[in-house]
C-alpha atoms as a PDB file:
ATOM      1  CA  UNK A   1      44.454 148.057  34.185  1.00  0.00           C
ATOM      2  CA  UNK A   2      46.029 151.442  34.849  1.00  0.00           C
ATOM      3  CA  UNK A   3      45.056 153.338  37.949  1.00  0.00           C
ATOM      4  CA  UNK A   4      43.720 156.359  36.042  1.00  0.00           C
ATOM      5  CA  UNK A   5      40.903 154.876  34.025  1.00  0.00           C
ATOM      6  CA  UNK A   6      38.186 152.636  35.402  1.00  0.00           C
ATOM      7  CA  UNK A   7      37.288 149.841  33.008  1.00  0.00           C
ATOM      8  CA  UNK A   8      34.032 148.069  32.626  1.00  0.00           C
ATOM      9  CA  UNK A   9      34.149 144.663  31.012  1.00  0.00           C
ATOM     10  CA  UNK A  10      31.109 144.172  28.905  1.00  0.00           C
ATOM     11  CA  UNK A  11      31.719 140.410  28.830  1.00  0.00           C
ATOM     12  CA  UNK A  12      33.822 138.728  31.511  1.00  0.00           C
ATOM     13  CA  UNK A  13      37.038 137.224  30.206  1.00  0.00           C
ATOM     14  CA  UNK A  14      38.840 136.449  33.467  1.00  0.00           C
ATOM     15  CA  UNK A  15      39.546 132.831  32.513  1.00  0.00           C
ATOM     16  CA  UNK A  16      40.939 133.880  29.126  1.00  0.00           C
ATOM     17  CA  UNK A  17      43.193 136.458  30.772  1.00  0.00           C
ATOM     18  CA  UNK A  18      44.771 133.797  32.984  1.00  0.00           C
ATOM     19  CA  UNK A  19      45.961 131.903  29.898  1.00  0.00           C
ATOM     20  CA  UNK A  20      47.059 134.790  27.681  1.00  0.00           C
ATOM     21  CA  UNK A  21      49.682 133.915  25.083  1.00  0.00           C
ATOM     22  CA  UNK A  22      52.954 135.804  25.574  1.00  0.00           C
ATOM     23  CA  UNK A  23      52.550 137.682  22.276  1.00  0.00           C
ATOM     24  CA  UNK A  24      49.050 138.941  23.053  1.00  0.00           C
ATOM     25  CA  UNK A  25      48.537 142.654  22.637  1.00  0.00           C
ATOM     26  CA  UNK A  26      45.791 144.838  24.030  1.00  0.00           C
ATOM     27  CA  UNK A  27      44.301 146.834  21.157  1.00  0.00           C
ATOM     28  CA  UNK A  28      42.114 149.931  21.474  1.00  0.00           C
ATOM     29  CA  UNK A  29      39.818 150.477  18.493  1.00  0.00           C
ATOM     30  CA  UNK A  30      39.418 154.049  17.308  1.00  0.00           C
ATOM     31  CA  UNK A  31      36.082 155.212  15.938  1.00  0.00           C
ATOM     32  CA  UNK A  32      37.055 154.833  12.271  1.00  0.00           C
ATOM     33  CA  UNK A  33      37.857 151.152  12.750  1.00  0.00           C
ATOM     34  CA  UNK A  34      34.618 150.500  14.640  1.00  0.00           C
ATOM     35  CA  UNK A  35      32.581 152.171  11.899  1.00  0.00           C
ATOM     36  CA  UNK A  36      34.391 150.146   9.226  1.00  0.00           C
ATOM     37  CA  UNK A  37      33.550 146.937  11.117  1.00  0.00           C
ATOM     38  CA  UNK A  38      29.890 147.911  11.529  1.00  0.00           C
ATOM     39  CA  UNK A  39      29.533 148.875   7.860  1.00  0.00           C
ATOM     40  CA  UNK A  40      31.612 145.903   6.644  1.00  0.00           C
ATOM     41  CA  UNK A  41      34.318 148.002   4.970  1.00  0.00           C
ATOM     42  CA  UNK A  42      38.009 147.477   4.231  1.00  0.00           C
ATOM     43  CA  UNK A  43      38.025 143.868   5.435  1.00  0.00           C
ATOM     44  CA  UNK A  44      38.004 145.076   9.030  1.00  0.00           C
ATOM     45  CA  UNK A  45      35.743 142.302  10.299  1.00  0.00           C
ATOM     46  CA  UNK A  46      38.205 139.736   9.002  1.00  0.00           C
ATOM     47  CA  UNK A  47      41.146 141.679  10.415  1.00  0.00           C
ATOM     48  CA  UNK A  48      39.637 141.785  13.905  1.00  0.00           C
ATOM     49  CA  UNK A  49      38.699 138.100  13.696  1.00  0.00           C
ATOM     50  CA  UNK A  50      42.339 137.287  12.825  1.00  0.00           C
ATOM     51  CA  UNK A  51      43.603 139.436  15.704  1.00  0.00           C
ATOM     52  CA  UNK A  52      41.286 137.658  18.134  1.00  0.00           C
ATOM     53  CA  UNK A  53      42.337 134.230  16.806  1.00  0.00           C
ATOM     54  CA  UNK A  54      45.979 135.101  17.498  1.00  0.00           C
ATOM     55  CA  UNK A  55      45.198 136.008  21.109  1.00  0.00           C
ATOM     56  CA  UNK A  56      44.911 139.791  20.993  1.00  0.00           C
ATOM     57  CA  UNK A  57      42.206 141.523  23.034  1.00  0.00           C
ATOM     58  CA  UNK A  58      39.967 144.295  21.712  1.00  0.00           C
ATOM     59  CA  UNK A  59      38.770 147.362  23.561  1.00  0.00           C
ATOM     60  CA  UNK A  60      37.569 150.904  23.007  1.00  0.00           C
ATOM     61  CA  UNK A  61      36.901 154.002  25.061  1.00  0.00           C
ATOM     62  CA  UNK A  62      33.695 155.670  26.170  1.00  0.00           C
ATOM     63  CA  UNK A  63      34.626 158.589  23.925  1.00  0.00           C
ATOM     64  CA  UNK A  64      34.770 156.310  20.877  1.00  0.00           C
ATOM     65  CA  UNK A  65      31.396 154.840  21.846  1.00  0.00           C
ATOM     66  CA  UNK A  66      29.921 158.363  21.970  1.00  0.00           C
ATOM     67  CA  UNK A  67      31.394 159.153  18.547  1.00  0.00           C
ATOM     68  CA  UNK A  68      29.963 155.945  17.064  1.00  0.00           C
ATOM     69  CA  UNK A  69      26.500 156.665  18.472  1.00  0.00           C
ATOM     70  CA  UNK A  70      26.632 160.248  17.216  1.00  0.00           C
ATOM     71  CA  UNK A  71      26.803 158.947  13.647  1.00  0.00           C
ATOM     72  CA  UNK A  72      24.625 155.860  13.920  1.00  0.00           C
ATOM     73  CA  UNK A  73      22.286 155.236  11.009  1.00  0.00           C
ATOM     74  CA  UNK A  74      18.724 153.918  11.256  1.00  0.00           C
ATOM     75  CA  UNK A  75      18.807 150.142  11.566  1.00  0.00           C
ATOM     76  CA  UNK A  76      22.388 149.987  12.896  1.00  0.00           C
ATOM     77  CA  UNK A  77      21.499 150.011  16.584  1.00  0.00           C
ATOM     78  CA  UNK A  78      21.324 146.241  17.112  1.00  0.00           C
ATOM     79  CA  UNK A  79      24.591 145.433  15.328  1.00  0.00           C
ATOM     80  CA  UNK A  80      26.306 148.370  17.010  1.00  0.00           C
ATOM     81  CA  UNK A  81      25.254 147.305  20.492  1.00  0.00           C
ATOM     82  CA  UNK A  82      26.145 143.665  19.840  1.00  0.00           C
ATOM     83  CA  UNK A  83      29.620 144.607  18.596  1.00  0.00           C
ATOM     84  CA  UNK A  84      30.327 147.083  21.399  1.00  0.00           C
ATOM     85  CA  UNK A  85      29.140 144.543  24.008  1.00  0.00           C
ATOM     86  CA  UNK A  86      32.046 142.327  22.955  1.00  0.00           C
ATOM     87  CA  UNK A  87      34.665 144.996  23.659  1.00  0.00           C
ATOM     88  CA  UNK A  88      36.292 146.001  26.889  1.00  0.00           C
ATOM     89  CA  UNK A  89      35.323 149.636  27.405  1.00  0.00           C
ATOM     90  CA  UNK A  90      37.611 152.107  29.172  1.00  0.00           C
ATOM     91  CA  UNK A  91      36.117 155.084  30.957  1.00  0.00           C
ATOM     92  CA  UNK A  92      37.646 158.510  31.400  1.00  0.00           C
ATOM     93  CA  UNK A  93      39.033 159.076  34.885  1.00  0.00           C
ATOM     94  CA  UNK A  94      40.524 162.270  36.276  1.00  0.00           C
ATOM     95  CA  UNK A  95      44.146 161.089  35.949  1.00  0.00           C
ATOM     96  CA  UNK A  96      43.680 160.284  32.265  1.00  0.00           C
ATOM     97  CA  UNK A  97      41.810 163.561  31.720  1.00  0.00           C
ATOM     98  CA  UNK A  98      44.815 165.438  33.121  1.00  0.00           C
ATOM     99  CA  UNK A  99      47.174 163.426  30.918  1.00  0.00           C
ATOM    100  CA  UNK A 100      45.052 164.275  27.850  1.00  0.00           C
ATOM    101  CA  UNK A 101      45.225 167.980  28.691  1.00  0.00           C
ATOM    102  CA  UNK A 102      48.990 167.723  29.081  1.00  0.00           C
ATOM    103  CA  UNK A 103      49.285 165.996  25.700  1.00  0.00           C
ATOM    104  CA  UNK A 104      47.407 168.878  24.054  1.00  0.00           C
ATOM    105  CA  UNK A 105      49.630 171.479  25.733  1.00  0.00           C
ATOM    106  CA  UNK A 106      52.819 169.612  24.836  1.00  0.00           C
ATOM    107  CA  UNK A 107      51.880 169.377  21.182  1.00  0.00           C
ATOM    108  CA  UNK A 108      50.540 172.950  21.032  1.00  0.00           C
ATOM    109  CA  UNK A 109      53.974 174.151  22.169  1.00  0.00           C
ATOM    110  CA  UNK A 110      55.387 172.254  19.187  1.00  0.00           C
ATOM    111  CA  UNK A 111      52.941 174.023  16.870  1.00  0.00           C
ATOM    112  CA  UNK A 112      50.673 171.004  16.451  1.00  0.00           C
ATOM    113  CA  UNK A 113      46.978 171.082  17.312  1.00  0.00           C
ATOM    114  CA  UNK A 114      45.607 167.842  18.743  1.00  0.00           C
ATOM    115  CA  UNK A 115      41.837 167.640  19.166  1.00  0.00           C
ATOM    116  CA  UNK A 116      40.582 167.069  22.678  1.00  0.00           C
ATOM    117  CA  UNK A 117      38.907 163.830  21.548  1.00  0.00           C
ATOM    118  CA  UNK A 118      42.156 162.492  20.066  1.00  0.00           C
ATOM    119  CA  UNK A 119      44.125 163.523  23.153  1.00  0.00           C
ATOM    120  CA  UNK A 120      41.643 161.645  25.363  1.00  0.00           C
ATOM    121  CA  UNK A 121      41.782 158.500  23.214  1.00  0.00           C
ATOM    122  CA  UNK A 122      45.595 158.646  23.182  1.00  0.00           C
ATOM    123  CA  UNK A 123      45.766 159.166  26.952  1.00  0.00           C
ATOM    124  CA  UNK A 124      43.443 156.207  27.576  1.00  0.00           C
ATOM    125  CA  UNK A 125      45.458 153.962  25.242  1.00  0.00           C
ATOM    126  CA  UNK A 126      48.723 154.990  26.926  1.00  0.00           C
ATOM    127  CA  UNK A 127      47.276 154.539  30.422  1.00  0.00           C
ATOM    128  CA  UNK A 128      45.871 151.099  29.602  1.00  0.00           C
ATOM    129  CA  UNK A 129      49.008 150.049  27.686  1.00  0.00           C
ATOM    130  CA  UNK A 130      47.009 149.440  24.529  1.00  0.00           C
ATOM    131  CA  UNK A 131      48.154 149.797  20.951  1.00  0.00           C
ATOM    132  CA  UNK A 132      45.747 152.006  18.999  1.00  0.00           C
ATOM    133  CA  UNK A 133      44.068 150.761  15.809  1.00  0.00           C
ATOM    134  CA  UNK A 134      43.194 153.843  13.754  1.00  0.00           C
ATOM    135  CA  UNK A 135      43.063 155.057  10.182  1.00  0.00           C
ATOM    136  CA  UNK A 136      44.022 158.529  11.407  1.00  0.00           C
ATOM    137  CA  UNK A 137      47.653 157.894  12.322  1.00  0.00           C
ATOM    138  CA  UNK A 138      48.562 161.519  11.595  1.00  0.00           C
ATOM    139  CA  UNK A 139      46.283 162.627  14.437  1.00  0.00           C
ATOM    140  CA  UNK A 140      48.321 160.637  16.968  1.00  0.00           C
ATOM    141  CA  UNK A 141      51.968 161.794  16.764  1.00  0.00           C
ATOM    142  CA  UNK A 142      52.776 160.927  20.388  1.00  0.00           C
ATOM    143  CA  UNK A 143      55.906 158.736  20.525  1.00  0.00           C
ATOM    144  CA  UNK A 144      54.723 157.085  23.749  1.00  0.00           C
ATOM    145  CA  UNK A 145      51.577 155.835  21.960  1.00  0.00           C
ATOM    146  CA  UNK A 146      51.870 152.538  20.115  1.00  0.00           C
ATOM    147  CA  UNK A 147      49.988 152.440  16.813  1.00  0.00           C
ATOM    148  CA  UNK A 148      49.124 149.003  15.478  1.00  0.00           C
ATOM    149  CA  UNK A 149      49.579 148.781  11.704  1.00  0.00           C
ATOM    150  CA  UNK A 150      46.505 148.460   9.543  1.00  0.00           C
ATOM    151  CA  UNK A 151      46.649 146.764   6.134  1.00  0.00           C
END
């Protein structure tokens, strides 16, 4: 875990982490992917199940959790909480907040507007050395950010 963002494991996986396969990748789920899983769209449940079977770990950020809850529909609370409980959740620390601000400034100087939310998600993924799973690849032009391909 990077020094800039405290993490809170919703379910302890210490034993699993000791036996990680060499090819395992830490993946941070963006809001669009989480919503697709919750609403059973685009085969995302199967995709995440395959990623877990091959040893990858799944996480998200507190910002993505807030975005999911801001659009939650009646009756989705139980499934949403159950799904999010299975993810590692990264918080926003001051070092990552500064990095997000710097990302926005860097891209603004290049004539590209990056939303604060996207800059925060990118900064958390970079800090935690996660690849980002998102449908909105165009919103994350940062070369230092790894984007995991979606089918």
